[in-house]
């Protein structure tokens, strides 16, 4: 079921980049008014759960799971700032960390769980493969 969520997460992130993040960046500096995302491809590689621990000592009407997440993604995001003829982007992301999943409240009817809460217990390791970053840093006001 979780693997089937991938395309929807990708669609959400693409919409977030184009409709929320890009306008916020354009509004943050006169130097970035011509910024646009020219390519947003969240890739096809799924996030993997490489380890799982269920906390069984818990009797508070909840299920506690710790998932060790590993994502080596083929993400490709390109950005352009036309005013400065600048192109940059991201070609690949890695994310590794322990994610806590809390299923509560447990209910006696389908869907069995009232809510799902997910968060990283500690800051995950994030590696971003940037392209053209030095071009971006040459824009006035971004040093």
N, C-alpha and C. Protein backbone atom coordinates (compact mmCIF):
# COMPACT_ATOMS: atom_id res chain seq x y z
N UNK A 1 0.83 -1.20 0.00
CA UNK A 1 0.00 0.00 0.00
C UNK A 1 0.87 1.26 0.00
N UNK A 2 1.94 1.25 0.81
CA UNK A 2 2.79 2.43 0.90
C UNK A 2 3.48 2.70 -0.43
N UNK A 3 3.87 1.66 -1.13
CA UNK A 3 4.56 1.84 -2.42
C UNK A 3 3.64 2.51 -3.43
N UNK A 4 2.35 2.24 -3.35
CA UNK A 4 1.38 2.84 -4.26
C UNK A 4 1.18 4.33 -4.03
N UNK A 5 1.66 4.85 -2.90
CA UNK A 5 1.51 6.28 -2.59
C UNK A 5 2.51 7.14 -3.34
N UNK A 6 3.59 6.52 -3.83
CA UNK A 6 4.68 7.26 -4.47
C UNK A 6 4.25 8.26 -5.51
N UNK A 7 3.46 7.87 -6.50
CA UNK A 7 3.06 8.84 -7.53
C UNK A 7 2.27 10.02 -6.95
N UNK A 8 1.47 9.77 -5.92
CA UNK A 8 0.67 10.85 -5.33
C UNK A 8 1.54 11.81 -4.53
N UNK A 9 2.56 11.28 -3.85
CA UNK A 9 3.52 12.13 -3.14
C UNK A 9 4.26 12.99 -4.15
N UNK A 10 4.67 12.38 -5.27
CA UNK A 10 5.35 13.13 -6.33
C UNK A 10 4.49 14.25 -6.89
N UNK A 11 3.22 13.96 -7.12
CA UNK A 11 2.30 14.98 -7.63
C UNK A 11 2.14 16.12 -6.62
N UNK A 12 2.03 15.76 -5.35
CA UNK A 12 1.89 16.77 -4.29
C UNK A 12 3.14 17.66 -4.24
N UNK A 13 4.33 17.05 -4.28
CA UNK A 13 5.57 17.82 -4.20
C UNK A 13 5.74 18.72 -5.42
N UNK A 14 5.37 18.22 -6.59
CA UNK A 14 5.46 19.04 -7.80
C UNK A 14 4.53 20.26 -7.69
N UNK A 15 3.32 20.03 -7.23
CA UNK A 15 2.37 21.13 -7.07
C UNK A 15 2.87 22.13 -6.02
N UNK A 16 3.44 21.61 -4.93
CA UNK A 16 3.98 22.47 -3.88
C UNK A 16 5.11 23.35 -4.43
N UNK A 17 6.01 22.76 -5.21
CA UNK A 17 7.12 23.52 -5.79
C UNK A 17 6.61 24.62 -6.72
N UNK A 18 5.70 24.25 -7.62
CA UNK A 18 5.26 25.19 -8.65
C UNK A 18 4.31 26.26 -8.13
N UNK A 19 3.41 25.89 -7.21
CA UNK A 19 2.35 26.82 -6.80
C UNK A 19 2.63 27.55 -5.49
N UNK A 20 3.52 27.02 -4.66
CA UNK A 20 3.77 27.66 -3.36
C UNK A 20 5.22 28.13 -3.23
N UNK A 21 6.17 27.22 -3.46
CA UNK A 21 7.57 27.55 -3.23
C UNK A 21 8.10 28.54 -4.26
N UNK A 22 7.84 28.31 -5.56
CA UNK A 22 8.34 29.22 -6.60
C UNK A 22 7.84 30.65 -6.39
N UNK A 23 6.53 30.87 -6.17
CA UNK A 23 6.08 32.25 -5.94
C UNK A 23 6.71 32.88 -4.69
N UNK A 24 6.93 32.07 -3.66
CA UNK A 24 7.55 32.59 -2.43
C UNK A 24 9.00 33.02 -2.70
N UNK A 25 9.72 32.22 -3.48
CA UNK A 25 11.11 32.57 -3.82
C UNK A 25 11.13 33.84 -4.68
N UNK A 26 10.23 33.89 -5.69
CA UNK A 26 10.17 35.07 -6.57
C UNK A 26 9.89 36.34 -5.77
N UNK A 27 9.05 36.22 -4.74
CA UNK A 27 8.70 37.39 -3.93
C UNK A 27 9.74 37.76 -2.89
N UNK A 28 10.72 36.88 -2.66
CA UNK A 28 11.69 37.10 -1.59
C UNK A 28 12.81 38.07 -1.98
N UNK A 29 13.05 38.24 -3.26
CA UNK A 29 14.15 39.09 -3.70
C UNK A 29 13.88 39.60 -5.11
N UNK A 30 14.21 40.86 -5.35
CA UNK A 30 14.04 41.43 -6.69
C UNK A 30 14.92 40.69 -7.69
N UNK A 31 16.03 40.09 -7.21
CA UNK A 31 16.94 39.36 -8.09
C UNK A 31 16.33 38.05 -8.58
N UNK A 32 15.31 37.56 -7.87
CA UNK A 32 14.75 36.23 -8.19
C UNK A 32 13.37 36.30 -8.82
N UNK A 33 12.94 37.49 -9.26
CA UNK A 33 11.59 37.65 -9.81
C UNK A 33 11.36 36.82 -11.07
N UNK A 34 12.44 36.43 -11.78
CA UNK A 34 12.27 35.66 -13.02
C UNK A 34 12.55 34.17 -12.80
N UNK A 35 12.56 33.73 -11.54
CA UNK A 35 12.81 32.31 -11.25
C UNK A 35 11.64 31.45 -11.67
N UNK A 36 11.95 30.31 -12.29
CA UNK A 36 10.91 29.33 -12.60
C UNK A 36 11.50 27.92 -12.55
N UNK A 37 10.67 26.97 -12.19
CA UNK A 37 11.07 25.57 -12.25
C UNK A 37 10.78 25.09 -13.67
N UNK A 38 11.82 24.68 -14.39
CA UNK A 38 11.64 24.27 -15.79
C UNK A 38 11.43 22.77 -15.91
N UNK A 39 11.78 22.01 -14.86
CA UNK A 39 11.54 20.58 -14.86
C UNK A 39 11.36 20.11 -13.41
N UNK A 40 10.31 19.36 -13.18
CA UNK A 40 10.09 18.74 -11.88
C UNK A 40 9.73 17.28 -12.13
N UNK A 41 10.68 16.40 -11.87
CA UNK A 41 10.45 14.96 -12.06
C UNK A 41 10.87 14.27 -10.78
N UNK A 42 9.91 13.73 -10.04
CA UNK A 42 10.20 13.10 -8.76
C UNK A 42 10.78 11.69 -8.94
N UNK A 43 10.94 11.24 -10.17
CA UNK A 43 11.59 9.96 -10.44
C UNK A 43 10.69 8.77 -10.20
N UNK A 44 11.28 7.60 -10.38
CA UNK A 44 10.51 6.35 -10.29
C UNK A 44 10.96 5.43 -9.17
N UNK A 45 12.04 5.77 -8.49
CA UNK A 45 12.56 4.88 -7.46
C UNK A 45 11.78 5.06 -6.16
N UNK A 46 11.27 3.97 -5.60
CA UNK A 46 10.48 4.08 -4.37
C UNK A 46 11.36 4.18 -3.12
N UNK A 47 10.78 4.74 -2.07
CA UNK A 47 11.43 4.74 -0.77
C UNK A 47 11.38 3.31 -0.23
N UNK A 48 12.44 2.87 0.44
CA UNK A 48 12.49 1.51 0.97
C UNK A 48 12.52 1.53 2.49
N UNK A 49 11.81 0.58 3.08
CA UNK A 49 11.91 0.35 4.51
C UNK A 49 12.90 -0.79 4.67
N UNK A 50 14.07 -0.51 5.28
CA UNK A 50 15.11 -1.53 5.38
C UNK A 50 15.20 -2.13 6.78
N UNK A 51 14.39 -1.63 7.70
CA UNK A 51 14.33 -2.19 9.04
C UNK A 51 13.07 -1.71 9.72
N UNK A 52 12.53 -2.53 10.63
CA UNK A 52 11.30 -2.16 11.32
C UNK A 52 11.32 -2.72 12.73
N UNK A 53 10.86 -1.90 13.66
CA UNK A 53 10.73 -2.36 15.05
C UNK A 53 9.34 -1.97 15.52
N UNK A 54 8.60 -2.96 16.00
CA UNK A 54 7.27 -2.70 16.57
C UNK A 54 7.42 -2.65 18.09
N UNK A 55 6.91 -1.59 18.70
CA UNK A 55 6.95 -1.46 20.17
C UNK A 55 5.72 -2.16 20.73
N UNK A 56 5.94 -3.35 21.27
CA UNK A 56 4.81 -4.17 21.74
C UNK A 56 4.48 -3.94 23.21
N UNK A 57 5.36 -3.22 23.92
CA UNK A 57 5.09 -2.99 25.35
C UNK A 57 4.06 -1.90 25.59
N UNK A 58 3.58 -1.32 24.52
CA UNK A 58 2.66 -0.19 24.60
C UNK A 58 1.21 -0.68 24.71
N UNK A 59 0.47 -0.21 25.72
CA UNK A 59 -0.94 -0.62 25.88
C UNK A 59 -1.87 0.59 25.92
N UNK A 60 -1.49 1.67 25.21
CA UNK A 60 -2.28 2.90 25.26
C UNK A 60 -3.23 3.03 24.08
N UNK A 61 -3.66 1.93 23.50
CA UNK A 61 -4.58 2.00 22.37
C UNK A 61 -3.94 2.55 21.12
N UNK A 62 -2.65 2.28 20.96
CA UNK A 62 -1.94 2.77 19.79
C UNK A 62 -0.92 1.71 19.35
N UNK A 63 -0.49 1.81 18.11
CA UNK A 63 0.58 0.97 17.59
C UNK A 63 1.75 1.90 17.29
N UNK A 64 2.93 1.56 17.83
CA UNK A 64 4.14 2.34 17.61
C UNK A 64 5.11 1.53 16.77
N UNK A 65 5.54 2.11 15.64
CA UNK A 65 6.49 1.44 14.76
C UNK A 65 7.66 2.38 14.49
N UNK A 66 8.86 1.84 14.50
CA UNK A 66 10.03 2.59 14.06
C UNK A 66 10.49 1.96 12.74
N UNK A 67 10.53 2.77 11.69
CA UNK A 67 10.92 2.29 10.36
C UNK A 67 12.24 2.93 9.97
N UNK A 68 13.21 2.12 9.59
CA UNK A 68 14.44 2.69 9.06
C UNK A 68 14.23 2.87 7.56
N UNK A 69 14.20 4.13 7.14
CA UNK A 69 13.87 4.51 5.76
C UNK A 69 15.16 4.74 4.98
N UNK A 70 15.20 4.23 3.77
CA UNK A 70 16.32 4.49 2.87
C UNK A 70 15.75 4.86 1.50
N UNK A 71 16.11 6.05 1.04
CA UNK A 71 15.63 6.51 -0.26
C UNK A 71 16.82 7.00 -1.07
N UNK A 72 17.05 6.37 -2.19
CA UNK A 72 18.06 6.82 -3.14
C UNK A 72 17.28 7.13 -4.42
N UNK A 73 16.91 8.39 -4.56
CA UNK A 73 15.96 8.75 -5.60
C UNK A 73 16.59 9.32 -6.85
N UNK A 74 15.89 9.11 -7.95
CA UNK A 74 16.32 9.64 -9.25
C UNK A 74 15.55 10.93 -9.57
N UNK A 75 15.44 11.77 -8.56
CA UNK A 75 14.74 13.05 -8.68
C UNK A 75 15.52 13.96 -9.63
N UNK A 76 14.78 14.71 -10.43
CA UNK A 76 15.42 15.73 -11.27
C UNK A 76 14.57 16.99 -11.24
N UNK A 77 15.16 18.04 -10.72
CA UNK A 77 14.47 19.33 -10.62
C UNK A 77 15.39 20.39 -11.20
N UNK A 78 14.89 21.14 -12.19
CA UNK A 78 15.69 22.20 -12.79
C UNK A 78 15.02 23.55 -12.53
N UNK A 79 15.86 24.53 -12.25
CA UNK A 79 15.37 25.88 -12.00
C UNK A 79 16.15 26.84 -12.89
N UNK A 80 15.47 27.90 -13.27
CA UNK A 80 16.11 28.89 -14.14
C UNK A 80 15.76 30.28 -13.63
N UNK A 81 16.76 31.16 -13.63
CA UNK A 81 16.53 32.57 -13.33
C UNK A 81 16.87 33.32 -14.61
N UNK A 82 15.85 33.63 -15.39
CA UNK A 82 16.05 34.19 -16.74
C UNK A 82 16.84 35.49 -16.73
N UNK A 83 16.59 36.34 -15.73
CA UNK A 83 17.26 37.65 -15.67
C UNK A 83 18.77 37.51 -15.70
N UNK A 84 19.30 36.44 -15.10
CA UNK A 84 20.75 36.25 -15.03
C UNK A 84 21.24 35.08 -15.90
N UNK A 85 20.38 34.60 -16.79
CA UNK A 85 20.71 33.46 -17.66
C UNK A 85 21.29 32.31 -16.84
N UNK A 86 20.69 32.08 -15.68
CA UNK A 86 21.22 31.11 -14.73
C UNK A 86 20.35 29.86 -14.69
N UNK A 87 21.01 28.71 -14.78
CA UNK A 87 20.30 27.43 -14.65
C UNK A 87 20.99 26.60 -13.58
N UNK A 88 20.19 25.95 -12.76
CA UNK A 88 20.72 25.08 -11.70
C UNK A 88 19.67 24.01 -11.43
N UNK A 89 19.99 23.11 -10.52
CA UNK A 89 19.00 22.09 -10.21
C UNK A 89 19.49 21.02 -9.27
N UNK A 90 18.69 19.97 -9.20
CA UNK A 90 18.98 18.81 -8.37
C UNK A 90 18.86 17.59 -9.26
N UNK A 91 19.86 16.72 -9.19
CA UNK A 91 19.81 15.47 -9.94
C UNK A 91 20.17 14.35 -8.97
N UNK A 92 19.18 13.91 -8.25
CA UNK A 92 19.37 12.82 -7.29
C UNK A 92 19.34 13.29 -5.85
N UNK A 93 18.64 12.54 -5.02
CA UNK A 93 18.53 12.81 -3.59
C UNK A 93 18.65 11.49 -2.84
N UNK A 94 19.34 11.54 -1.70
CA UNK A 94 19.37 10.38 -0.80
C UNK A 94 18.84 10.83 0.56
N UNK A 95 18.03 9.99 1.17
CA UNK A 95 17.47 10.27 2.49
C UNK A 95 17.50 8.97 3.30
N UNK A 96 18.12 9.04 4.47
CA UNK A 96 18.23 7.85 5.33
C UNK A 96 17.93 8.27 6.76
N UNK A 97 17.06 7.53 7.44
CA UNK A 97 16.79 7.86 8.83
C UNK A 97 15.71 6.99 9.44
N UNK A 98 15.53 7.16 10.75
CA UNK A 98 14.54 6.40 11.51
C UNK A 98 13.25 7.20 11.62
N UNK A 99 12.18 6.64 11.09
CA UNK A 99 10.88 7.30 11.13
C UNK A 99 9.96 6.59 12.11
N UNK A 100 9.38 7.36 13.02
CA UNK A 100 8.41 6.80 13.95
C UNK A 100 7.02 6.95 13.34
N UNK A 101 6.26 5.87 13.38
CA UNK A 101 4.88 5.87 12.88
C UNK A 101 3.98 5.50 14.06
N UNK A 102 3.02 6.36 14.35
CA UNK A 102 2.08 6.10 15.44
C UNK A 102 0.69 5.95 14.83
N UNK A 103 0.07 4.81 15.08
CA UNK A 103 -1.29 4.54 14.62
C UNK A 103 -2.20 4.65 15.85
N UNK A 104 -3.04 5.69 15.89
CA UNK A 104 -3.95 5.88 17.02
C UNK A 104 -5.05 6.85 16.66
N UNK A 105 -6.19 6.80 17.25
CA UNK A 105 -6.62 5.74 18.16
C UNK A 105 -7.01 4.49 17.37
N UNK A 106 -6.86 3.36 18.01
CA UNK A 106 -7.32 2.11 17.42
C UNK A 106 -8.82 2.04 17.64
N UNK A 107 -9.56 1.71 16.59
CA UNK A 107 -11.02 1.67 16.70
C UNK A 107 -11.52 0.31 16.24
N UNK A 108 -12.67 -0.07 16.73
CA UNK A 108 -13.20 -1.41 16.47
C UNK A 108 -13.95 -1.55 15.17
N UNK A 109 -13.61 -0.75 14.18
CA UNK A 109 -14.31 -0.80 12.90
C UNK A 109 -13.32 -0.38 11.81
N UNK A 110 -13.63 -0.70 10.59
CA UNK A 110 -12.78 -0.31 9.47
C UNK A 110 -12.79 1.22 9.39
N UNK A 111 -11.69 1.86 9.28
CA UNK A 111 -10.35 1.41 8.88
C UNK A 111 -9.43 0.99 10.05
N UNK A 112 -9.94 0.70 11.21
CA UNK A 112 -9.20 0.20 12.38
C UNK A 112 -8.39 1.29 13.08
N UNK A 113 -7.87 2.26 12.32
CA UNK A 113 -7.03 3.31 12.90
C UNK A 113 -7.65 4.67 12.60
N UNK A 114 -7.71 5.52 13.63
CA UNK A 114 -8.30 6.85 13.45
C UNK A 114 -7.36 7.84 12.77
N UNK A 115 -6.04 7.70 13.02
CA UNK A 115 -5.06 8.64 12.45
C UNK A 115 -3.69 7.99 12.38
N UNK A 116 -2.86 8.53 11.49
CA UNK A 116 -1.47 8.09 11.36
C UNK A 116 -0.59 9.32 11.55
N UNK A 117 0.37 9.23 12.46
CA UNK A 117 1.34 10.30 12.69
C UNK A 117 2.72 9.77 12.32
N UNK A 118 3.46 10.53 11.51
CA UNK A 118 4.80 10.09 11.10
C UNK A 118 5.78 11.25 11.28
N UNK A 119 6.96 10.93 11.82
CA UNK A 119 8.01 11.93 11.96
C UNK A 119 9.35 11.22 12.11
N UNK A 120 10.42 11.94 11.79
CA UNK A 120 11.76 11.39 11.98
C UNK A 120 12.15 11.61 13.44
N UNK A 121 12.66 10.54 14.08
CA UNK A 121 13.06 10.62 15.49
C UNK A 121 14.24 11.57 15.64
N UNK A 122 15.23 11.45 14.76
CA UNK A 122 16.36 12.36 14.70
C UNK A 122 16.44 12.89 13.27
N UNK A 123 17.12 13.99 13.10
CA UNK A 123 17.25 14.55 11.75
C UNK A 123 17.82 13.49 10.81
N UNK A 124 17.13 13.21 9.72
CA UNK A 124 17.63 12.18 8.79
C UNK A 124 18.86 12.69 8.04
N UNK A 125 19.64 11.75 7.51
CA UNK A 125 20.77 12.12 6.66
C UNK A 125 20.22 12.42 5.27
N UNK A 126 20.50 13.61 4.79
CA UNK A 126 20.01 14.04 3.49
C UNK A 126 21.20 14.43 2.62
N UNK A 127 21.30 13.81 1.46
CA UNK A 127 22.35 14.14 0.50
C UNK A 127 21.66 14.60 -0.78
N UNK A 128 21.99 15.82 -1.21
CA UNK A 128 21.39 16.37 -2.43
C UNK A 128 22.51 16.57 -3.44
N UNK A 129 22.31 16.03 -4.63
CA UNK A 129 23.28 16.20 -5.71
C UNK A 129 22.87 17.43 -6.53
N UNK A 130 23.49 18.56 -6.23
CA UNK A 130 23.16 19.82 -6.90
C UNK A 130 23.86 19.90 -8.26
N UNK A 131 23.24 20.59 -9.19
CA UNK A 131 23.87 20.88 -10.48
C UNK A 131 23.80 22.39 -10.69
N UNK A 132 24.89 22.98 -11.16
CA UNK A 132 24.89 24.41 -11.47
C UNK A 132 24.75 25.31 -10.27
N UNK A 133 25.08 24.84 -9.07
CA UNK A 133 24.90 25.64 -7.86
C UNK A 133 25.77 26.89 -7.87
N UNK A 134 26.99 26.79 -8.43
CA UNK A 134 27.86 27.97 -8.47
C UNK A 134 27.24 29.06 -9.34
N UNK A 135 26.50 28.67 -10.39
CA UNK A 135 25.80 29.67 -11.21
C UNK A 135 24.79 30.42 -10.36
N UNK A 136 24.07 29.70 -9.52
CA UNK A 136 23.04 30.30 -8.68
C UNK A 136 23.67 31.27 -7.68
N UNK A 137 24.83 30.89 -7.14
CA UNK A 137 25.48 31.72 -6.12
C UNK A 137 26.09 32.97 -6.71
N UNK A 138 26.19 33.06 -8.03
CA UNK A 138 26.71 34.27 -8.67
C UNK A 138 25.64 35.36 -8.79
N UNK A 139 24.39 35.04 -8.49
CA UNK A 139 23.32 36.04 -8.58
C UNK A 139 23.48 37.02 -7.43
N UNK A 140 23.43 38.32 -7.70
CA UNK A 140 23.54 39.31 -6.64
C UNK A 140 22.52 39.06 -5.52
N UNK A 141 22.97 39.23 -4.30
CA UNK A 141 22.05 39.07 -3.17
C UNK A 141 21.94 37.64 -2.66
N UNK A 142 22.60 36.68 -3.29
CA UNK A 142 22.48 35.28 -2.86
C UNK A 142 23.76 34.72 -2.26
N UNK A 143 24.76 35.51 -2.07
CA UNK A 143 26.04 35.01 -1.55
C UNK A 143 25.92 34.61 -0.10
